[in-house]
């Protein structure tokens, strides 16, 4: 029986592209739970938001977290709701130039 392909959300794909531009840190969780390990690492290193933390739980599983001004969030939630985070809004605006500027900068032709 053929397997159906999972539908990919455009909103989530856009969020993933934005998160790729943010600084990433890879750590091992050790004896702590992944969230606790991420929080300890953030405070020990003095990491400033925005940042993505990849916390390796075991040899098969890696948890992804996003460190924002408002706190620590799961990366999947941030991908789906990236427009709620001011630091990512700034990245989105830097990535896409203002459309009004593009339209205003085109030279106009005048007949003589």
C-alpha atoms as a PDB file:
ATOM      1  CA  UNK A   1       0.000   0.000   0.000  1.00  0.00           C
ATOM      2  CA  UNK A   2       1.360   3.408  -0.996  1.00  0.00           C
ATOM      3  CA  UNK A   3       2.166   5.800   1.791  1.00  0.00           C
ATOM      4  CA  UNK A   4       0.618   9.262   1.612  1.00  0.00           C
ATOM      5  CA  UNK A   5       2.965  12.212   1.800  1.00  0.00           C
ATOM      6  CA  UNK A   6       2.569  14.458   4.796  1.00  0.00           C
ATOM      7  CA  UNK A   7       1.330  17.923   3.928  1.00  0.00           C
ATOM      8  CA  UNK A   8       3.891  20.631   4.694  1.00  0.00           C
ATOM      9  CA  UNK A   9       2.599  23.839   6.168  1.00  0.00           C
ATOM     10  CA  UNK A  10       3.863  26.946   4.345  1.00  0.00           C
ATOM     11  CA  UNK A  11       3.744  28.923   7.578  1.00  0.00           C
ATOM     12  CA  UNK A  12       5.929  26.359   9.326  1.00  0.00           C
ATOM     13  CA  UNK A  13       8.359  26.186   6.408  1.00  0.00           C
ATOM     14  CA  UNK A  14       8.730  29.962   6.493  1.00  0.00           C
ATOM     15  CA  UNK A  15       9.347  29.810  10.236  1.00  0.00           C
ATOM     16  CA  UNK A  16      11.985  27.130   9.742  1.00  0.00           C
ATOM     17  CA  UNK A  17      13.780  29.310   7.161  1.00  0.00           C
ATOM     18  CA  UNK A  18      13.795  32.218   9.606  1.00  0.00           C
ATOM     19  CA  UNK A  19      15.119  30.058  12.469  1.00  0.00           C
ATOM     20  CA  UNK A  20      17.988  28.891  10.248  1.00  0.00           C
ATOM     21  CA  UNK A  21      19.369  32.458  10.373  1.00  0.00           C
ATOM     22  CA  UNK A  22      19.528  32.492  14.190  1.00  0.00           C
ATOM     23  CA  UNK A  23      22.627  31.444  16.171  1.00  0.00           C
ATOM     24  CA  UNK A  24      22.579  27.734  17.099  1.00  0.00           C
ATOM     25  CA  UNK A  25      24.150  25.939  20.061  1.00  0.00           C
ATOM     26  CA  UNK A  26      24.474  22.149  20.419  1.00  0.00           C
ATOM     27  CA  UNK A  27      24.661  20.636  23.894  1.00  0.00           C
ATOM     28  CA  UNK A  28      24.268  17.289  25.653  1.00  0.00           C
ATOM     29  CA  UNK A  29      21.545  16.995  28.288  1.00  0.00           C
ATOM     30  CA  UNK A  30      23.607  14.694  30.544  1.00  0.00           C
ATOM     31  CA  UNK A  31      21.704  13.746  33.704  1.00  0.00           C
ATOM     32  CA  UNK A  32      19.289  16.686  33.446  1.00  0.00           C
ATOM     33  CA  UNK A  33      16.060  16.808  31.506  1.00  0.00           C
ATOM     34  CA  UNK A  34      16.522  18.570  28.131  1.00  0.00           C
ATOM     35  CA  UNK A  35      14.745  21.785  29.163  1.00  0.00           C
ATOM     36  CA  UNK A  36      16.727  22.009  32.393  1.00  0.00           C
ATOM     37  CA  UNK A  37      19.988  21.413  30.528  1.00  0.00           C
ATOM     38  CA  UNK A  38      19.082  24.167  28.045  1.00  0.00           C
ATOM     39  CA  UNK A  39      18.242  26.641  30.836  1.00  0.00           C
ATOM     40  CA  UNK A  40      21.468  25.869  32.727  1.00  0.00           C
ATOM     41  CA  UNK A  41      23.513  26.290  29.535  1.00  0.00           C
ATOM     42  CA  UNK A  42      21.844  29.628  28.731  1.00  0.00           C
ATOM     43  CA  UNK A  43      22.572  31.023  32.184  1.00  0.00           C
ATOM     44  CA  UNK A  44      26.118  29.608  32.358  1.00  0.00           C
ATOM     45  CA  UNK A  45      27.110  31.001  28.944  1.00  0.00           C
ATOM     46  CA  UNK A  46      25.099  34.228  29.185  1.00  0.00           C
ATOM     47  CA  UNK A  47      23.453  33.668  25.802  1.00  0.00           C
ATOM     48  CA  UNK A  48      21.387  36.597  24.567  1.00  0.00           C
ATOM     49  CA  UNK A  49      18.204  35.992  22.568  1.00  0.00           C
ATOM     50  CA  UNK A  50      17.425  35.051  19.868  1.00  0.00           C
ATOM     51  CA  UNK A  51      19.133  31.650  19.808  1.00  0.00           C
ATOM     52  CA  UNK A  52      18.303  28.035  18.938  1.00  0.00           C
ATOM     53  CA  UNK A  53      19.491  25.279  21.267  1.00  0.00           C
ATOM     54  CA  UNK A  54      19.853  21.694  20.061  1.00  0.00           C
ATOM     55  CA  UNK A  55      19.816  19.468  23.142  1.00  0.00           C
ATOM     56  CA  UNK A  56      20.844  15.866  22.569  1.00  0.00           C
ATOM     57  CA  UNK A  57      18.775  13.643  24.834  1.00  0.00           C
ATOM     58  CA  UNK A  58      20.258  10.326  23.678  1.00  0.00           C
ATOM     59  CA  UNK A  59      21.858   8.893  20.552  1.00  0.00           C
ATOM     60  CA  UNK A  60      18.519   8.929  18.677  1.00  0.00           C
ATOM     61  CA  UNK A  61      16.728  12.020  19.972  1.00  0.00           C
ATOM     62  CA  UNK A  62      17.582  15.712  19.815  1.00  0.00           C
ATOM     63  CA  UNK A  63      15.220  18.356  21.198  1.00  0.00           C
ATOM     64  CA  UNK A  64      15.130  21.840  19.681  1.00  0.00           C
ATOM     65  CA  UNK A  65      14.409  24.969  21.724  1.00  0.00           C
ATOM     66  CA  UNK A  66      14.226  28.672  20.910  1.00  0.00           C
ATOM     67  CA  UNK A  67      15.565  31.195  23.420  1.00  0.00           C
ATOM     68  CA  UNK A  68      13.548  34.425  23.045  1.00  0.00           C
ATOM     69  CA  UNK A  69      13.157  37.614  25.075  1.00  0.00           C
ATOM     70  CA  UNK A  70      10.030  36.102  26.614  1.00  0.00           C
ATOM     71  CA  UNK A  71      11.641  32.797  27.606  1.00  0.00           C
ATOM     72  CA  UNK A  72      12.405  29.317  26.294  1.00  0.00           C
ATOM     73  CA  UNK A  73      10.046  27.790  23.706  1.00  0.00           C
ATOM     74  CA  UNK A  74       9.887  24.583  21.702  1.00  0.00           C
ATOM     75  CA  UNK A  75      11.275  25.203  18.214  1.00  0.00           C
ATOM     76  CA  UNK A  76       8.264  23.645  16.476  1.00  0.00           C
ATOM     77  CA  UNK A  77       5.901  26.084  18.218  1.00  0.00           C
ATOM     78  CA  UNK A  78       8.132  28.985  17.167  1.00  0.00           C
ATOM     79  CA  UNK A  79       8.218  27.767  13.548  1.00  0.00           C
ATOM     80  CA  UNK A  80       4.428  27.763  13.412  1.00  0.00           C
ATOM     81  CA  UNK A  81       4.006  31.068  15.262  1.00  0.00           C
ATOM     82  CA  UNK A  82       7.150  32.988  14.272  1.00  0.00           C
ATOM     83  CA  UNK A  83       5.152  36.195  13.725  1.00  0.00           C
ATOM     84  CA  UNK A  84       4.531  36.409  17.512  1.00  0.00           C
ATOM     85  CA  UNK A  85       8.231  36.910  18.291  1.00  0.00           C
ATOM     86  CA  UNK A  86       9.587  40.465  17.869  1.00  0.00           C
ATOM     87  CA  UNK A  87      13.205  39.347  17.377  1.00  0.00           C
ATOM     88  CA  UNK A  88      12.147  37.139  14.448  1.00  0.00           C
ATOM     89  CA  UNK A  89      10.022  39.940  12.969  1.00  0.00           C
ATOM     90  CA  UNK A  90      13.202  42.009  12.710  1.00  0.00           C
ATOM     91  CA  UNK A  91      14.942  39.151  10.869  1.00  0.00           C
ATOM     92  CA  UNK A  92      11.976  38.814   8.492  1.00  0.00           C
ATOM     93  CA  UNK A  93      12.075  42.539   7.695  1.00  0.00           C
ATOM     94  CA  UNK A  94      15.827  42.473   7.075  1.00  0.00           C
ATOM     95  CA  UNK A  95      15.452  39.447   4.806  1.00  0.00           C
ATOM     96  CA  UNK A  96      12.684  40.892   2.625  1.00  0.00           C
ATOM     97  CA  UNK A  97      13.201  44.436   1.348  1.00  0.00           C
ATOM     98  CA  UNK A  98      10.273  46.813   1.503  1.00  0.00           C
ATOM     99  CA  UNK A  99       8.076  46.424  -1.577  1.00  0.00           C
ATOM    100  CA  UNK A 100       7.252  50.126  -1.641  1.00  0.00           C
ATOM    101  CA  UNK A 101      10.939  50.975  -1.984  1.00  0.00           C
ATOM    102  CA  UNK A 102      11.295  48.556  -4.884  1.00  0.00           C
ATOM    103  CA  UNK A 103       8.345  50.094  -6.702  1.00  0.00           C
ATOM    104  CA  UNK A 104       9.463  53.657  -5.985  1.00  0.00           C
ATOM    105  CA  UNK A 105      13.017  53.094  -7.218  1.00  0.00           C
ATOM    106  CA  UNK A 106      12.059  52.071 -10.765  1.00  0.00           C
ATOM    107  CA  UNK A 107      12.877  54.831 -13.232  1.00  0.00           C
ATOM    108  CA  UNK A 108       9.957  56.327 -15.085  1.00  0.00           C
ATOM    109  CA  UNK A 109      10.035  56.934 -18.814  1.00  0.00           C
ATOM    110  CA  UNK A 110       8.945  60.278 -20.181  1.00  0.00           C
ATOM    111  CA  UNK A 111       8.278  61.091 -23.785  1.00  0.00           C
ATOM    112  CA  UNK A 112       9.686  64.287 -25.247  1.00  0.00           C
END
